[in-house]
Amino acid sequence: MSDFSCKNGHLSGTEGAKNVVGHYAVSLAGHDSGKIYFVVGTCGEAKKEGLLLLCDGKSRPLGKPKAKKRRHVQILRERDDELALLLTSGRGADDSVLIRKLREFGKSRCCD
C-alpha cells in the first residue's frame, strides 16, 4: 500500500518507502542539483537506511548508482513501469535504454 500523496506533480510521504523504485527524481542538493535521475532501488543497510539509489546511465550507470538522501531528492509522480520491470527482472535493461528513457522524459517535461 502506498502512503504517498501527490501534490503539484511531486510525491511526498514517508522517507523509507520502498515503492519509489521506478519513479523519476530530480536532485535538489549538491553539485548535481536540477539533474533528472531514475530511482533504481533503496538502501536496506541499517547504516544507510533511507538512501535512494539513482542512475542516469551516463555519469551514474546502472552498475554504479548514486546513493542520495531522500530529503535531497524530489521524487516525481511520473513512473516508468516498463523500465522498472526490466530492471527488476534483470533482462534487457542497460545504460543505453536508461539514457533513452531519461531523454524522452526530459523532452516531454520541457515541452508541455
N, C-alpha and C. Protein backbone atom coordinates (compact mmCIF):
# COMPACT_ATOMS: atom_id res chain seq x y z
N MET A 1 0.83 -1.18 0.00
CA MET A 1 0.00 0.00 0.00
C MET A 1 0.87 1.24 0.00
N SER A 2 0.54 2.22 -0.80
CA SER A 2 1.30 3.45 -0.91
C SER A 2 0.75 4.49 0.04
N ASP A 3 1.65 5.15 0.76
CA ASP A 3 1.22 6.23 1.63
C ASP A 3 1.76 7.57 1.12
N PHE A 4 1.91 7.65 -0.19
CA PHE A 4 2.36 8.89 -0.81
C PHE A 4 1.16 9.71 -1.21
N SER A 5 1.31 11.00 -1.09
CA SER A 5 0.29 11.90 -1.62
C SER A 5 0.88 12.67 -2.78
N CYS A 6 0.06 13.03 -3.71
CA CYS A 6 0.53 13.74 -4.90
C CYS A 6 0.14 15.20 -4.78
N LYS A 7 1.13 16.07 -4.95
CA LYS A 7 0.88 17.50 -4.87
C LYS A 7 1.73 18.19 -5.92
N ASN A 8 1.12 18.86 -6.85
CA ASN A 8 1.83 19.59 -7.90
C ASN A 8 2.78 18.71 -8.71
N GLY A 9 2.41 17.47 -8.95
CA GLY A 9 3.23 16.59 -9.75
C GLY A 9 4.37 15.95 -9.00
N HIS A 10 4.47 16.17 -7.70
CA HIS A 10 5.54 15.60 -6.89
C HIS A 10 4.95 14.67 -5.85
N LEU A 11 5.74 13.71 -5.44
CA LEU A 11 5.29 12.78 -4.40
C LEU A 11 5.88 13.21 -3.07
N SER A 12 5.09 13.08 -2.03
CA SER A 12 5.59 13.32 -0.69
C SER A 12 5.05 12.22 0.20
N GLY A 13 5.83 11.82 1.16
CA GLY A 13 5.38 10.75 2.04
C GLY A 13 6.51 10.28 2.92
N THR A 14 6.42 9.06 3.38
CA THR A 14 7.42 8.54 4.29
C THR A 14 8.76 8.41 3.59
N GLU A 15 9.82 8.63 4.35
CA GLU A 15 11.16 8.61 3.78
C GLU A 15 11.62 7.22 3.39
N GLY A 16 11.25 6.22 4.13
CA GLY A 16 11.76 4.89 3.87
C GLY A 16 10.90 4.05 2.96
N ALA A 17 9.96 4.65 2.28
CA ALA A 17 9.03 3.89 1.45
C ALA A 17 9.77 3.18 0.32
N LYS A 18 9.42 1.94 0.08
CA LYS A 18 10.08 1.14 -0.95
C LYS A 18 9.44 1.30 -2.32
N ASN A 19 8.27 1.90 -2.37
CA ASN A 19 7.54 1.97 -3.63
C ASN A 19 7.96 3.14 -4.51
N VAL A 20 9.12 3.72 -4.29
CA VAL A 20 9.59 4.80 -5.15
C VAL A 20 10.41 4.27 -6.31
N VAL A 21 10.75 3.00 -6.29
CA VAL A 21 11.53 2.41 -7.39
C VAL A 21 10.70 2.49 -8.66
N GLY A 22 11.30 3.01 -9.71
CA GLY A 22 10.61 3.16 -10.97
C GLY A 22 10.17 4.59 -11.25
N HIS A 23 10.29 5.46 -10.26
CA HIS A 23 9.91 6.86 -10.44
C HIS A 23 11.10 7.67 -10.94
N TYR A 24 10.80 8.77 -11.59
CA TYR A 24 11.83 9.73 -11.94
C TYR A 24 12.03 10.66 -10.74
N ALA A 25 13.23 11.20 -10.60
CA ALA A 25 13.52 12.08 -9.47
C ALA A 25 14.46 13.19 -9.91
N VAL A 26 14.35 14.32 -9.24
CA VAL A 26 15.21 15.46 -9.52
C VAL A 26 16.04 15.74 -8.27
N SER A 27 17.33 15.91 -8.46
CA SER A 27 18.22 16.21 -7.35
C SER A 27 17.98 17.65 -6.89
N LEU A 28 17.87 17.84 -5.58
CA LEU A 28 17.62 19.16 -5.02
C LEU A 28 18.87 19.77 -4.40
N ALA A 29 19.85 18.94 -4.05
CA ALA A 29 21.03 19.44 -3.35
C ALA A 29 22.30 18.82 -3.93
N GLY A 30 23.38 19.55 -3.78
CA GLY A 30 24.66 19.04 -4.25
C GLY A 30 25.04 19.62 -5.60
N HIS A 31 26.17 19.18 -6.11
CA HIS A 31 26.65 19.69 -7.39
C HIS A 31 25.77 19.28 -8.56
N ASP A 32 24.95 18.28 -8.36
CA ASP A 32 24.08 17.78 -9.43
C ASP A 32 22.64 18.28 -9.30
N SER A 33 22.42 19.35 -8.55
CA SER A 33 21.04 19.82 -8.34
C SER A 33 20.40 20.18 -9.67
N GLY A 34 19.15 19.78 -9.81
CA GLY A 34 18.40 20.00 -11.04
C GLY A 34 18.50 18.86 -12.04
N LYS A 35 19.36 17.91 -11.78
CA LYS A 35 19.56 16.78 -12.70
C LYS A 35 18.46 15.73 -12.48
N ILE A 36 18.00 15.14 -13.59
CA ILE A 36 16.95 14.12 -13.52
C ILE A 36 17.60 12.74 -13.45
N TYR A 37 17.13 11.94 -12.52
CA TYR A 37 17.60 10.57 -12.33
C TYR A 37 16.41 9.62 -12.40
N PHE A 38 16.73 8.34 -12.40
CA PHE A 38 15.74 7.28 -12.30
C PHE A 38 16.03 6.51 -11.02
N VAL A 39 15.02 6.29 -10.19
CA VAL A 39 15.20 5.58 -8.93
C VAL A 39 15.24 4.08 -9.22
N VAL A 40 16.40 3.44 -8.97
CA VAL A 40 16.55 2.02 -9.25
C VAL A 40 16.51 1.16 -8.00
N GLY A 41 16.50 1.78 -6.83
CA GLY A 41 16.44 0.99 -5.61
C GLY A 41 16.57 1.85 -4.37
N THR A 42 16.51 1.18 -3.22
CA THR A 42 16.73 1.84 -1.94
C THR A 42 17.77 1.05 -1.18
N CYS A 43 18.46 1.74 -0.29
CA CYS A 43 19.49 1.08 0.52
C CYS A 43 18.82 0.42 1.72
N GLY A 44 19.05 -0.85 1.90
CA GLY A 44 18.45 -1.57 3.00
C GLY A 44 19.37 -1.76 4.19
N GLU A 45 20.63 -1.35 4.04
CA GLU A 45 21.58 -1.50 5.14
C GLU A 45 21.19 -0.56 6.28
N ALA A 46 21.40 -1.02 7.51
CA ALA A 46 21.00 -0.24 8.68
C ALA A 46 21.71 1.11 8.73
N LYS A 47 22.98 1.12 8.35
CA LYS A 47 23.77 2.36 8.41
C LYS A 47 23.35 3.35 7.34
N LYS A 48 22.83 2.85 6.23
CA LYS A 48 22.46 3.70 5.10
C LYS A 48 20.96 3.72 4.86
N GLU A 49 20.18 3.48 5.88
CA GLU A 49 18.73 3.44 5.76
C GLU A 49 18.20 4.79 5.27
N GLY A 50 17.27 4.76 4.34
CA GLY A 50 16.66 5.98 3.83
C GLY A 50 17.34 6.56 2.61
N LEU A 51 18.37 5.90 2.10
CA LEU A 51 19.04 6.39 0.90
C LEU A 51 18.39 5.80 -0.34
N LEU A 52 18.29 6.61 -1.37
CA LEU A 52 17.78 6.15 -2.65
C LEU A 52 18.94 5.89 -3.59
N LEU A 53 18.82 4.90 -4.43
CA LEU A 53 19.84 4.60 -5.43
C LEU A 53 19.36 5.16 -6.76
N LEU A 54 20.14 6.09 -7.32
CA LEU A 54 19.76 6.82 -8.51
C LEU A 54 20.73 6.57 -9.65
N CYS A 55 20.21 6.47 -10.86
CA CYS A 55 21.05 6.28 -12.06
C CYS A 55 20.58 7.22 -13.16
N ASP A 56 21.55 7.60 -14.02
CA ASP A 56 21.20 8.37 -15.20
C ASP A 56 21.76 7.74 -16.47
N GLY A 57 22.53 6.67 -16.34
CA GLY A 57 23.05 5.96 -17.50
C GLY A 57 24.39 6.47 -17.99
N LYS A 58 24.71 7.73 -17.73
CA LYS A 58 25.97 8.31 -18.20
C LYS A 58 26.97 8.40 -17.05
N SER A 59 26.85 9.45 -16.24
CA SER A 59 27.78 9.62 -15.13
C SER A 59 27.50 8.63 -14.01
N ARG A 60 26.26 8.18 -13.91
CA ARG A 60 25.88 7.17 -12.92
C ARG A 60 25.20 6.00 -13.64
N PRO A 61 26.03 5.03 -14.12
CA PRO A 61 25.45 3.88 -14.81
C PRO A 61 24.75 2.94 -13.83
N LEU A 62 24.05 1.96 -14.37
CA LEU A 62 23.31 1.00 -13.54
C LEU A 62 24.24 0.21 -12.62
N GLY A 63 25.48 0.00 -13.03
CA GLY A 63 26.43 -0.74 -12.22
C GLY A 63 26.99 0.04 -11.06
N LYS A 64 26.80 1.37 -11.07
CA LYS A 64 27.34 2.21 -10.01
C LYS A 64 26.35 3.34 -9.68
N PRO A 65 25.23 2.98 -9.04
CA PRO A 65 24.21 4.00 -8.75
C PRO A 65 24.67 4.99 -7.68
N LYS A 66 24.10 6.17 -7.73
CA LYS A 66 24.39 7.22 -6.75
C LYS A 66 23.44 7.04 -5.58
N ALA A 67 23.99 7.02 -4.38
CA ALA A 67 23.18 6.94 -3.17
C ALA A 67 22.96 8.36 -2.67
N LYS A 68 21.70 8.74 -2.52
CA LYS A 68 21.38 10.10 -2.13
C LYS A 68 20.28 10.07 -1.08
N LYS A 69 20.37 10.94 -0.09
CA LYS A 69 19.34 11.00 0.94
C LYS A 69 18.01 11.41 0.33
N ARG A 70 16.95 10.84 0.85
CA ARG A 70 15.59 11.09 0.36
C ARG A 70 15.24 12.57 0.42
N ARG A 71 15.70 13.26 1.43
CA ARG A 71 15.35 14.68 1.57
C ARG A 71 16.07 15.57 0.56
N HIS A 72 17.10 15.04 -0.10
CA HIS A 72 17.84 15.79 -1.10
C HIS A 72 17.34 15.52 -2.52
N VAL A 73 16.23 14.78 -2.63
CA VAL A 73 15.69 14.39 -3.92
C VAL A 73 14.19 14.67 -3.95
N GLN A 74 13.72 15.21 -5.06
CA GLN A 74 12.28 15.39 -5.26
C GLN A 74 11.81 14.27 -6.17
N ILE A 75 11.03 13.34 -5.63
CA ILE A 75 10.52 12.23 -6.41
C ILE A 75 9.30 12.72 -7.18
N LEU A 76 9.33 12.51 -8.47
CA LEU A 76 8.25 12.97 -9.33
C LEU A 76 7.14 11.93 -9.43
N ARG A 77 5.97 12.37 -9.77
CA ARG A 77 4.81 11.48 -9.87
C ARG A 77 4.96 10.50 -11.02
N GLU A 78 5.65 10.92 -12.09
CA GLU A 78 5.80 10.08 -13.27
C GLU A 78 6.60 8.83 -12.95
N ARG A 79 6.13 7.73 -13.46
CA ARG A 79 6.76 6.43 -13.21
C ARG A 79 6.85 5.69 -14.53
N ASP A 80 7.95 4.96 -14.72
CA ASP A 80 8.13 4.16 -15.93
C ASP A 80 8.09 2.69 -15.51
N ASP A 81 6.91 2.10 -15.58
CA ASP A 81 6.73 0.71 -15.16
C ASP A 81 7.50 -0.26 -16.05
N GLU A 82 7.57 0.05 -17.33
CA GLU A 82 8.28 -0.83 -18.27
C GLU A 82 9.76 -0.92 -17.91
N LEU A 83 10.39 0.22 -17.67
CA LEU A 83 11.81 0.24 -17.31
C LEU A 83 12.03 -0.39 -15.93
N ALA A 84 11.15 -0.13 -14.99
CA ALA A 84 11.27 -0.71 -13.66
C ALA A 84 11.18 -2.24 -13.73
N LEU A 85 10.29 -2.75 -14.57
CA LEU A 85 10.16 -4.19 -14.74
C LEU A 85 11.42 -4.79 -15.35
N LEU A 86 11.98 -4.11 -16.35
CA LEU A 86 13.23 -4.58 -16.96
C LEU A 86 14.36 -4.62 -15.95
N LEU A 87 14.43 -3.61 -15.09
CA LEU A 87 15.50 -3.56 -14.09
C LEU A 87 15.34 -4.64 -13.03
N THR A 88 14.12 -4.86 -12.57
CA THR A 88 13.91 -5.85 -11.52
C THR A 88 14.05 -7.28 -12.03
N SER A 89 13.69 -7.49 -13.30
CA SER A 89 13.80 -8.84 -13.85
C SER A 89 15.23 -9.16 -14.28
N GLY A 90 16.04 -8.12 -14.49
CA GLY A 90 17.44 -8.34 -14.87
C GLY A 90 17.66 -8.67 -16.32
N ARG A 91 16.70 -8.40 -17.16
CA ARG A 91 16.87 -8.71 -18.58
C ARG A 91 16.49 -7.50 -19.43
N GLY A 92 17.32 -7.22 -20.39
CA GLY A 92 17.02 -6.19 -21.36
C GLY A 92 17.26 -4.76 -20.95
N ALA A 93 17.61 -4.51 -19.70
CA ALA A 93 17.85 -3.14 -19.27
C ALA A 93 19.35 -2.88 -19.23
N ASP A 94 19.76 -1.85 -19.93
CA ASP A 94 21.15 -1.43 -19.85
C ASP A 94 21.19 0.09 -19.85
N ASP A 95 22.37 0.65 -19.82
CA ASP A 95 22.50 2.10 -19.72
C ASP A 95 21.93 2.83 -20.92
N SER A 96 22.02 2.24 -22.11
CA SER A 96 21.50 2.91 -23.30
C SER A 96 19.99 3.04 -23.24
N VAL A 97 19.30 2.03 -22.70
CA VAL A 97 17.84 2.10 -22.54
C VAL A 97 17.49 3.19 -21.53
N LEU A 98 18.25 3.25 -20.45
CA LEU A 98 18.01 4.25 -19.41
C LEU A 98 18.24 5.66 -19.94
N ILE A 99 19.30 5.85 -20.70
CA ILE A 99 19.60 7.16 -21.29
C ILE A 99 18.47 7.60 -22.22
N ARG A 100 17.99 6.68 -23.05
CA ARG A 100 16.92 6.99 -23.99
C ARG A 100 15.63 7.38 -23.26
N LYS A 101 15.29 6.62 -22.22
CA LYS A 101 14.07 6.89 -21.45
C LYS A 101 14.17 8.25 -20.74
N LEU A 102 15.34 8.56 -20.16
CA LEU A 102 15.51 9.84 -19.49
C LEU A 102 15.45 11.00 -20.48
N ARG A 103 16.00 10.80 -21.67
CA ARG A 103 15.95 11.84 -22.70
C ARG A 103 14.50 12.09 -23.13
N GLU A 104 13.75 11.02 -23.36
CA GLU A 104 12.34 11.16 -23.73
C GLU A 104 11.54 11.85 -22.63
N PHE A 105 11.82 11.48 -21.39
CA PHE A 105 11.12 12.08 -20.26
C PHE A 105 11.46 13.57 -20.16
N GLY A 106 12.71 13.92 -20.32
CA GLY A 106 13.12 15.32 -20.26
C GLY A 106 12.48 16.15 -21.35
N LYS A 107 12.39 15.60 -22.55
CA LYS A 107 11.75 16.33 -23.66
C LYS A 107 10.26 16.51 -23.41
N SER A 108 9.59 15.49 -22.91
CA SER A 108 8.16 15.61 -22.65
C SER A 108 7.88 16.59 -21.52
N ARG A 109 8.80 16.71 -20.59
CA ARG A 109 8.64 17.61 -19.46
C ARG A 109 8.86 19.07 -19.83
N CYS A 110 9.83 19.31 -20.68
CA CYS A 110 10.15 20.70 -21.01
C CYS A 110 9.21 21.28 -22.05
N CYS A 111 8.56 20.44 -22.82
CA CYS A 111 7.75 20.94 -23.94
C CYS A 111 6.26 20.93 -23.64
N ASP A 112 5.86 20.63 -22.42
CA ASP A 112 4.42 20.61 -22.07
C ASP A 112 3.87 22.00 -21.93
